[in-house]
Amino acid sequence: MGSEGPPAAVTIHVTGFKKFHGVSENPTEIIVNNLKEYLKKKGLPKGLILGSCSILETAGQGAAAPLYKTLQSAISGKGSESSNSNRIIWIHFGVNSGATRFAVEQQAVNEATFRCPDEMGWKPQKVPIIPADGGISRVRETSLPVEEITKALTKKGFEVMTSDDAGRFVCNYVYYHSLRFAEQNGIKSLFVHVPLFLTIDEETQMQFAASLLEILASLC
């Protein structure tokens, strides 16, 4: 009956973003690129498999195809593991250059209103991200316990808050697509905003990312 042995591990896939207008060095690119090595040294939390670590173009519509290819890679070609799709989590890291602490995002809105053109020159205003979902007021929420995650991170000493506004730029765009994909495929998705390294240094941000993965592995 498959009841022997420990429960299936949680597989967490992670994305960050490349540089974009006003942010010449995106901390999430560095965090995600260094995460595997960092966790190898620190020791992988029990019950966790670190899957893909991908860097996304900081663009909306023009980068949607590679985004879907990245999301799809987590659930395709897994054979027998596909029955454990509910043990797959996507974590998307994005930077908020004005932030002074980390923010765990509860939801995304079906609206693209870019304050400046993305890296492919697109600057939509009040456009639905997925027209088939209806108007720009449609909201999708993560199925992960955001309050619980935030409390656990705070207990570990990090400056962190829950947020119900991921903006209307590329971060919200990617999160909305990811939440829709997660719902359709029985997996989970979470977006986390981080500050610049000038505000919270790189080592602390690496510790934060590792702690977040550990908490998610223990919760799921």
C-alpha atoms as a PDB file:
ATOM      1  CA  MET A   1       0.000   0.000   0.000  1.00  0.00           C
ATOM      2  CA  GLY A   2       3.068   2.257  -0.017  1.00  0.00           C
ATOM      3  CA  SER A   3       2.775   2.848   3.730  1.00  0.00           C
ATOM      4  CA  GLU A   4       6.259   1.477   4.407  1.00  0.00           C
ATOM      5  CA  GLY A   5       9.166   3.863   4.756  1.00  0.00           C
ATOM      6  CA  PRO A   6       9.227   7.600   5.373  1.00  0.00           C
ATOM      7  CA  PRO A   7       6.729   9.944   3.731  1.00  0.00           C
ATOM      8  CA  ALA A   8       7.641  11.286   0.299  1.00  0.00           C
ATOM      9  CA  ALA A   9      10.041  14.204   0.310  1.00  0.00           C
ATOM     10  CA  VAL A  10       8.952  17.661  -0.746  1.00  0.00           C
ATOM     11  CA  THR A  11      10.585  18.857  -3.978  1.00  0.00           C
ATOM     12  CA  ILE A  12      11.088  22.617  -4.095  1.00  0.00           C
ATOM     13  CA  HIS A  13      11.924  24.414  -7.334  1.00  0.00           C
ATOM     14  CA  VAL A  14      13.217  27.971  -7.133  1.00  0.00           C
ATOM     15  CA  THR A  15      13.363  30.944  -9.486  1.00  0.00           C
ATOM     16  CA  GLY A  16      14.978  34.374  -9.365  1.00  0.00           C
ATOM     17  CA  PHE A  17      15.160  37.246 -11.845  1.00  0.00           C
ATOM     18  CA  LYS A  18      17.844  38.900 -13.938  1.00  0.00           C
ATOM     19  CA  LYS A  19      18.665  42.601 -13.661  1.00  0.00           C
ATOM     20  CA  PHE A  20      16.097  45.154 -14.776  1.00  0.00           C
ATOM     21  CA  HIS A  21      15.497  48.881 -15.077  1.00  0.00           C
ATOM     22  CA  GLY A  22      16.863  50.563 -11.939  1.00  0.00           C
ATOM     23  CA  VAL A  23      18.328  47.338 -10.479  1.00  0.00           C
ATOM     24  CA  SER A  24      21.685  46.599 -12.113  1.00  0.00           C
ATOM     25  CA  GLU A  25      22.384  43.625  -9.818  1.00  0.00           C
ATOM     26  CA  ASN A  26      19.372  41.566  -8.848  1.00  0.00           C
ATOM     27  CA  PRO A  27      19.955  39.860  -5.480  1.00  0.00           C
ATOM     28  CA  THR A  28      17.547  37.056  -6.417  1.00  0.00           C
ATOM     29  CA  GLU A  29      19.800  35.986  -9.308  1.00  0.00           C
ATOM     30  CA  ILE A  30      22.703  35.595  -6.874  1.00  0.00           C
ATOM     31  CA  ILE A  31      20.589  33.869  -4.185  1.00  0.00           C
ATOM     32  CA  VAL A  32      19.134  31.322  -6.618  1.00  0.00           C
ATOM     33  CA  ASN A  33      22.425  30.667  -8.434  1.00  0.00           C
ATOM     34  CA  ASN A  34      24.220  30.014  -5.126  1.00  0.00           C
ATOM     35  CA  LEU A  35      21.459  28.114  -3.324  1.00  0.00           C
ATOM     36  CA  LYS A  36      22.451  24.538  -4.263  1.00  0.00           C
ATOM     37  CA  GLU A  37      26.058  25.070  -3.175  1.00  0.00           C
ATOM     38  CA  TYR A  38      24.976  26.883  -0.011  1.00  0.00           C
ATOM     39  CA  LEU A  39      22.605  24.084   1.025  1.00  0.00           C
ATOM     40  CA  LYS A  40      25.214  21.448   0.205  1.00  0.00           C
ATOM     41  CA  LYS A  41      27.566  23.069   2.726  1.00  0.00           C
ATOM     42  CA  LYS A  42      24.853  23.715   5.283  1.00  0.00           C
ATOM     43  CA  GLY A  43      23.186  20.312   4.873  1.00  0.00           C
ATOM     44  CA  LEU A  44      19.867  19.817   3.133  1.00  0.00           C
ATOM     45  CA  PRO A  45      16.869  19.955   5.506  1.00  0.00           C
ATOM     46  CA  LYS A  46      15.239  16.583   6.219  1.00  0.00           C
ATOM     47  CA  GLY A  47      12.489  15.653   3.781  1.00  0.00           C
ATOM     48  CA  LEU A  48      13.565  18.196   1.160  1.00  0.00           C
ATOM     49  CA  ILE A  49      14.745  17.746  -2.407  1.00  0.00           C
ATOM     50  CA  LEU A  50      15.997  20.929  -4.057  1.00  0.00           C
ATOM     51  CA  GLY A  51      14.868  20.747  -7.668  1.00  0.00           C
ATOM     52  CA  SER A  52      15.640  23.259 -10.405  1.00  0.00           C
ATOM     53  CA  CYS A  53      17.092  26.694  -9.698  1.00  0.00           C
ATOM     54  CA  SER A  54      16.192  28.924 -12.650  1.00  0.00           C
ATOM     55  CA  ILE A  55      16.728  32.580 -13.492  1.00  0.00           C
ATOM     56  CA  LEU A  56      13.853  34.256 -15.319  1.00  0.00           C
ATOM     57  CA  GLU A  57      13.984  37.206 -17.702  1.00  0.00           C
ATOM     58  CA  THR A  58      12.516  40.278 -16.015  1.00  0.00           C
ATOM     59  CA  ALA A  59       9.756  40.467 -18.603  1.00  0.00           C
ATOM     60  CA  GLY A  60       6.063  39.654 -18.863  1.00  0.00           C
ATOM     61  CA  GLN A  61       4.405  38.553 -22.079  1.00  0.00           C
ATOM     62  CA  GLY A  62       7.643  38.120 -24.015  1.00  0.00           C
ATOM     63  CA  ALA A  63       9.013  35.757 -21.356  1.00  0.00           C
ATOM     64  CA  ALA A  64       5.804  33.757 -20.782  1.00  0.00           C
ATOM     65  CA  ALA A  65       6.857  30.807 -22.990  1.00  0.00           C
ATOM     66  CA  PRO A  66      10.148  30.112 -21.130  1.00  0.00           C
ATOM     67  CA  LEU A  67       8.302  30.621 -17.827  1.00  0.00           C
ATOM     68  CA  TYR A  68       5.810  27.876 -18.735  1.00  0.00           C
ATOM     69  CA  LYS A  69       8.611  25.614 -19.927  1.00  0.00           C
ATOM     70  CA  THR A  70      10.264  26.098 -16.519  1.00  0.00           C
ATOM     71  CA  LEU A  71       7.021  25.413 -14.611  1.00  0.00           C
ATOM     72  CA  GLN A  72       6.210  22.380 -16.789  1.00  0.00           C
ATOM     73  CA  SER A  73       9.663  20.872 -16.184  1.00  0.00           C
ATOM     74  CA  ALA A  74       8.724  20.248 -12.540  1.00  0.00           C
ATOM     75  CA  ILE A  75       5.842  17.945 -13.380  1.00  0.00           C
ATOM     76  CA  SER A  76       6.867  16.286 -16.641  1.00  0.00           C
ATOM     77  CA  GLY A  77       9.175  13.347 -17.104  1.00  0.00           C
ATOM     78  CA  LYS A  78       8.878  12.314 -13.479  1.00  0.00           C
ATOM     79  CA  GLY A  79       7.327   8.900 -14.105  1.00  0.00           C
ATOM     80  CA  SER A  80       6.102   7.401 -10.849  1.00  0.00           C
ATOM     81  CA  GLU A  81       6.875  10.604  -8.997  1.00  0.00           C
ATOM     82  CA  SER A  82       3.989  12.334 -10.745  1.00  0.00           C
ATOM     83  CA  SER A  83       1.679  10.824  -8.136  1.00  0.00           C
ATOM     84  CA  ASN A  84       3.563  13.001  -5.646  1.00  0.00           C
ATOM     85  CA  SER A  85       2.754  16.203  -7.527  1.00  0.00           C
ATOM     86  CA  ASN A  86       1.167  17.563  -4.344  1.00  0.00           C
ATOM     87  CA  ARG A  87       4.659  17.421  -2.850  1.00  0.00           C
ATOM     88  CA  ILE A  88       6.004  19.952  -5.387  1.00  0.00           C
ATOM     89  CA  ILE A  89       6.421  23.614  -4.455  1.00  0.00           C
ATOM     90  CA  TRP A  90       7.568  26.551  -6.558  1.00  0.00           C
ATOM     91  CA  ILE A  91       9.258  29.427  -4.744  1.00  0.00           C
ATOM     92  CA  HIS A  92       9.725  32.575  -6.794  1.00  0.00           C
ATOM     93  CA  PHE A  93      12.088  35.224  -5.401  1.00  0.00           C
ATOM     94  CA  GLY A  94      11.782  38.822  -6.584  1.00  0.00           C
ATOM     95  CA  VAL A  95      13.397  42.037  -5.396  1.00  0.00           C
ATOM     96  CA  ASN A  96      11.624  45.056  -3.971  1.00  0.00           C
ATOM     97  CA  SER A  97      14.328  47.727  -4.065  1.00  0.00           C
ATOM     98  CA  GLY A  98      12.467  49.972  -1.610  1.00  0.00           C
ATOM     99  CA  ALA A  99      11.859  47.248   0.990  1.00  0.00           C
ATOM    100  CA  THR A 100      13.558  47.038   4.376  1.00  0.00           C
ATOM    101  CA  ARG A 101      12.435  43.473   5.128  1.00  0.00           C
ATOM    102  CA  PHE A 102      11.344  40.255   3.450  1.00  0.00           C
ATOM    103  CA  ALA A 103       7.721  39.883   2.317  1.00  0.00           C
ATOM    104  CA  VAL A 104       5.855  36.589   1.848  1.00  0.00           C
ATOM    105  CA  GLU A 105       3.181  37.213  -0.782  1.00  0.00           C
ATOM    106  CA  GLN A 106      -0.325  35.864  -0.183  1.00  0.00           C
ATOM    107  CA  GLN A 107      -1.763  36.514  -3.649  1.00  0.00           C
ATOM    108  CA  ALA A 108      -1.424  37.823  -7.182  1.00  0.00           C
ATOM    109  CA  VAL A 109      -3.852  39.942  -9.198  1.00  0.00           C
ATOM    110  CA  ASN A 110      -4.841  39.436 -12.854  1.00  0.00           C
ATOM    111  CA  GLU A 111      -3.521  42.885 -13.764  1.00  0.00           C
ATOM    112  CA  ALA A 112      -0.409  44.036 -15.598  1.00  0.00           C
ATOM    113  CA  THR A 113       0.266  47.757 -15.104  1.00  0.00           C
ATOM    114  CA  PHE A 114       3.998  48.228 -15.537  1.00  0.00           C
ATOM    115  CA  ARG A 115       5.515  51.427 -14.115  1.00  0.00           C
ATOM    116  CA  CYS A 116       8.326  51.161 -16.664  1.00  0.00           C
ATOM    117  CA  PRO A 117       8.898  48.940 -19.715  1.00  0.00           C
ATOM    118  CA  ASP A 118      10.051  45.401 -18.891  1.00  0.00           C
ATOM    119  CA  GLU A 119      13.346  44.070 -20.282  1.00  0.00           C
ATOM    120  CA  MET A 120      11.628  43.293 -23.601  1.00  0.00           C
ATOM    121  CA  GLY A 121      10.119  46.759 -23.893  1.00  0.00           C
ATOM    122  CA  TRP A 122       6.532  45.885 -22.906  1.00  0.00           C
ATOM    123  CA  LYS A 123       4.661  48.443 -20.784  1.00  0.00           C
ATOM    124  CA  PRO A 124       1.034  47.329 -20.356  1.00  0.00           C
ATOM    125  CA  GLN A 125      -1.513  49.461 -18.484  1.00  0.00           C
ATOM    126  CA  LYS A 126      -4.528  47.810 -16.794  1.00  0.00           C
ATOM    127  CA  VAL A 127      -4.261  44.701 -18.991  1.00  0.00           C
ATOM    128  CA  PRO A 128      -5.528  41.319 -17.711  1.00  0.00           C
ATOM    129  CA  ILE A 129      -2.614  38.892 -17.405  1.00  0.00           C
ATOM    130  CA  ILE A 130      -4.849  35.993 -18.474  1.00  0.00           C
ATOM    131  CA  PRO A 131      -7.931  37.333 -20.300  1.00  0.00           C
ATOM    132  CA  ALA A 132      -9.671  33.946 -19.960  1.00  0.00           C
ATOM    133  CA  ASP A 133      -9.654  34.484 -16.181  1.00  0.00           C
ATOM    134  CA  GLY A 134     -11.860  37.554 -16.511  1.00  0.00           C
ATOM    135  CA  GLY A 135     -11.137  41.123 -15.454  1.00  0.00           C
ATOM    136  CA  ILE A 136      -8.169  42.770 -13.769  1.00  0.00           C
ATOM    137  CA  SER A 137      -9.706  42.470 -10.298  1.00  0.00           C
ATOM    138  CA  ARG A 138      -9.477  38.650 -10.302  1.00  0.00           C
ATOM    139  CA  VAL A 139      -7.204  37.430  -7.510  1.00  0.00           C
ATOM    140  CA  ARG A 140      -5.459  34.082  -7.035  1.00  0.00           C
ATOM    141  CA  GLU A 141      -4.160  33.070  -3.607  1.00  0.00           C
ATOM    142  CA  THR A 142      -1.448  30.632  -2.617  1.00  0.00           C
ATOM    143  CA  SER A 143      -2.614  27.459  -0.884  1.00  0.00           C
ATOM    144  CA  LEU A 144       0.412  27.629   1.446  1.00  0.00           C
ATOM    145  CA  PRO A 145      -0.070  28.969   5.012  1.00  0.00           C
ATOM    146  CA  VAL A 146       1.542  32.386   4.594  1.00  0.00           C
ATOM    147  CA  GLU A 147       0.916  33.567   8.193  1.00  0.00           C
ATOM    148  CA  GLU A 148       2.433  30.385   9.602  1.00  0.00           C
ATOM    149  CA  ILE A 149       5.484  30.663   7.313  1.00  0.00           C
ATOM    150  CA  THR A 150       5.996  34.325   8.291  1.00  0.00           C
ATOM    151  CA  LYS A 151       5.743  33.542  12.023  1.00  0.00           C
ATOM    152  CA  ALA A 152       8.250  30.695  11.721  1.00  0.00           C
ATOM    153  CA  LEU A 153      10.718  32.939   9.857  1.00  0.00           C
ATOM    154  CA  THR A 154      10.256  35.750  12.394  1.00  0.00           C
ATOM    155  CA  LYS A 155      10.965  33.263  15.184  1.00  0.00           C
ATOM    156  CA  LYS A 156      14.280  32.496  13.455  1.00  0.00           C
ATOM    157  CA  GLY A 157      15.181  36.177  13.725  1.00  0.00           C
ATOM    158  CA  PHE A 158      14.389  37.499  10.236  1.00  0.00           C
ATOM    159  CA  GLU A 159      12.661  40.816   9.514  1.00  0.00           C
ATOM    160  CA  VAL A 160       9.677  39.486   7.563  1.00  0.00           C
ATOM    161  CA  MET A 161       6.046  40.398   6.901  1.00  0.00           C
ATOM    162  CA  THR A 162       3.078  38.953   5.080  1.00  0.00           C
ATOM    163  CA  SER A 163       1.875  40.929   2.081  1.00  0.00           C
ATOM    164  CA  ASP A 164      -1.270  40.858  -0.028  1.00  0.00           C
ATOM    165  CA  ASP A 165       0.110  43.141  -2.737  1.00  0.00           C
ATOM    166  CA  ALA A 166       2.853  41.823  -5.029  1.00  0.00           C
ATOM    167  CA  GLY A 167       2.648  44.987  -7.142  1.00  0.00           C
ATOM    168  CA  ARG A 168       1.523  45.027 -10.782  1.00  0.00           C
ATOM    169  CA  PHE A 169       4.922  44.549 -12.402  1.00  0.00           C
ATOM    170  CA  VAL A 170       6.747  41.381 -13.509  1.00  0.00           C
ATOM    171  CA  CYS A 171       6.780  39.801 -10.014  1.00  0.00           C
ATOM    172  CA  ASN A 172       2.975  39.815  -9.822  1.00  0.00           C
ATOM    173  CA  TYR A 173       2.804  38.723 -13.489  1.00  0.00           C
ATOM    174  CA  VAL A 174       4.943  35.632 -12.867  1.00  0.00           C
ATOM    175  CA  TYR A 175       3.188  34.829  -9.572  1.00  0.00           C
ATOM    176  CA  TYR A 176      -0.249  34.975 -11.189  1.00  0.00           C
ATOM    177  CA  HIS A 177       0.798  32.573 -13.954  1.00  0.00           C
ATOM    178  CA  SER A 178       2.470  30.284 -11.406  1.00  0.00           C
ATOM    179  CA  LEU A 179      -0.563  30.203  -9.068  1.00  0.00           C
ATOM    180  CA  ARG A 180      -2.851  29.340 -11.977  1.00  0.00           C
ATOM    181  CA  PHE A 181      -0.447  26.630 -13.156  1.00  0.00           C
ATOM    182  CA  ALA A 182      -0.157  25.282  -9.583  1.00  0.00           C
ATOM    183  CA  GLU A 183      -3.935  25.059  -9.195  1.00  0.00           C
ATOM    184  CA  GLN A 184      -4.315  23.279 -12.530  1.00  0.00           C
ATOM    185  CA  ASN A 185      -1.581  20.758 -11.713  1.00  0.00           C
ATOM    186  CA  GLY A 186      -2.151  20.111  -7.998  1.00  0.00           C
ATOM    187  CA  ILE A 187       1.114  21.688  -6.861  1.00  0.00           C
ATOM    188  CA  LYS A 188       1.916  24.751  -4.724  1.00  0.00           C
ATOM    189  CA  SER A 189       3.433  28.140  -5.433  1.00  0.00           C
ATOM    190  CA  LEU A 190       4.808  30.969  -3.308  1.00  0.00           C
ATOM    191  CA  PHE A 191       6.337  34.357  -4.100  1.00  0.00           C
ATOM    192  CA  VAL A 192       8.756  36.091  -1.749  1.00  0.00           C
ATOM    193  CA  HIS A 193      10.060  39.640  -2.105  1.00  0.00           C
ATOM    194  CA  VAL A 194      13.546  40.359  -0.817  1.00  0.00           C
ATOM    195  CA  PRO A 195      15.296  43.734  -0.291  1.00  0.00           C
ATOM    196  CA  LEU A 196      18.552  44.802  -1.938  1.00  0.00           C
ATOM    197  CA  PHE A 197      21.843  43.505  -0.473  1.00  0.00           C
ATOM    198  CA  LEU A 198      22.565  47.101   0.618  1.00  0.00           C
ATOM    199  CA  THR A 199      19.610  46.790   3.002  1.00  0.00           C
ATOM    200  CA  ILE A 200      19.983  43.145   4.108  1.00  0.00           C
ATOM    201  CA  ASP A 201      23.373  41.603   3.328  1.00  0.00           C
ATOM    202  CA  GLU A 202      23.898  38.592   1.069  1.00  0.00           C
ATOM    203  CA  GLU A 203      24.770  36.100   3.829  1.00  0.00           C
ATOM    204  CA  THR A 204      21.583  36.945   5.774  1.00  0.00           C
ATOM    205  CA  GLN A 205      19.527  36.581   2.602  1.00  0.00           C
ATOM    206  CA  MET A 206      21.093  33.172   1.886  1.00  0.00           C
ATOM    207  CA  GLN A 207      20.261  32.105   5.462  1.00  0.00           C
ATOM    208  CA  PHE A 208      16.713  33.373   4.940  1.00  0.00           C
ATOM    209  CA  ALA A 209      16.283  31.363   1.712  1.00  0.00           C
ATOM    210  CA  ALA A 210      17.626  28.203   3.382  1.00  0.00           C
ATOM    211  CA  SER A 211      15.338  28.722   6.412  1.00  0.00           C
ATOM    212  CA  LEU A 212      12.319  29.243   4.150  1.00  0.00           C
ATOM    213  CA  LEU A 213      12.992  25.927   2.388  1.00  0.00           C
ATOM    214  CA  GLU A 214      13.414  24.179   5.729  1.00  0.00           C
ATOM    215  CA  ILE A 215      10.096  25.576   7.031  1.00  0.00           C
ATOM    216  CA  LEU A 216       8.245  24.569   3.869  1.00  0.00           C
ATOM    217  CA  ALA A 217       9.656  21.049   4.052  1.00  0.00           C
ATOM    218  CA  SER A 218       8.488  20.716   7.653  1.00  0.00           C
ATOM    219  CA  LEU A 219       5.026  22.182   6.943  1.00  0.00           C
ATOM    220  CA  CYS A 220       4.243  20.016   3.931  1.00  0.00           C
END
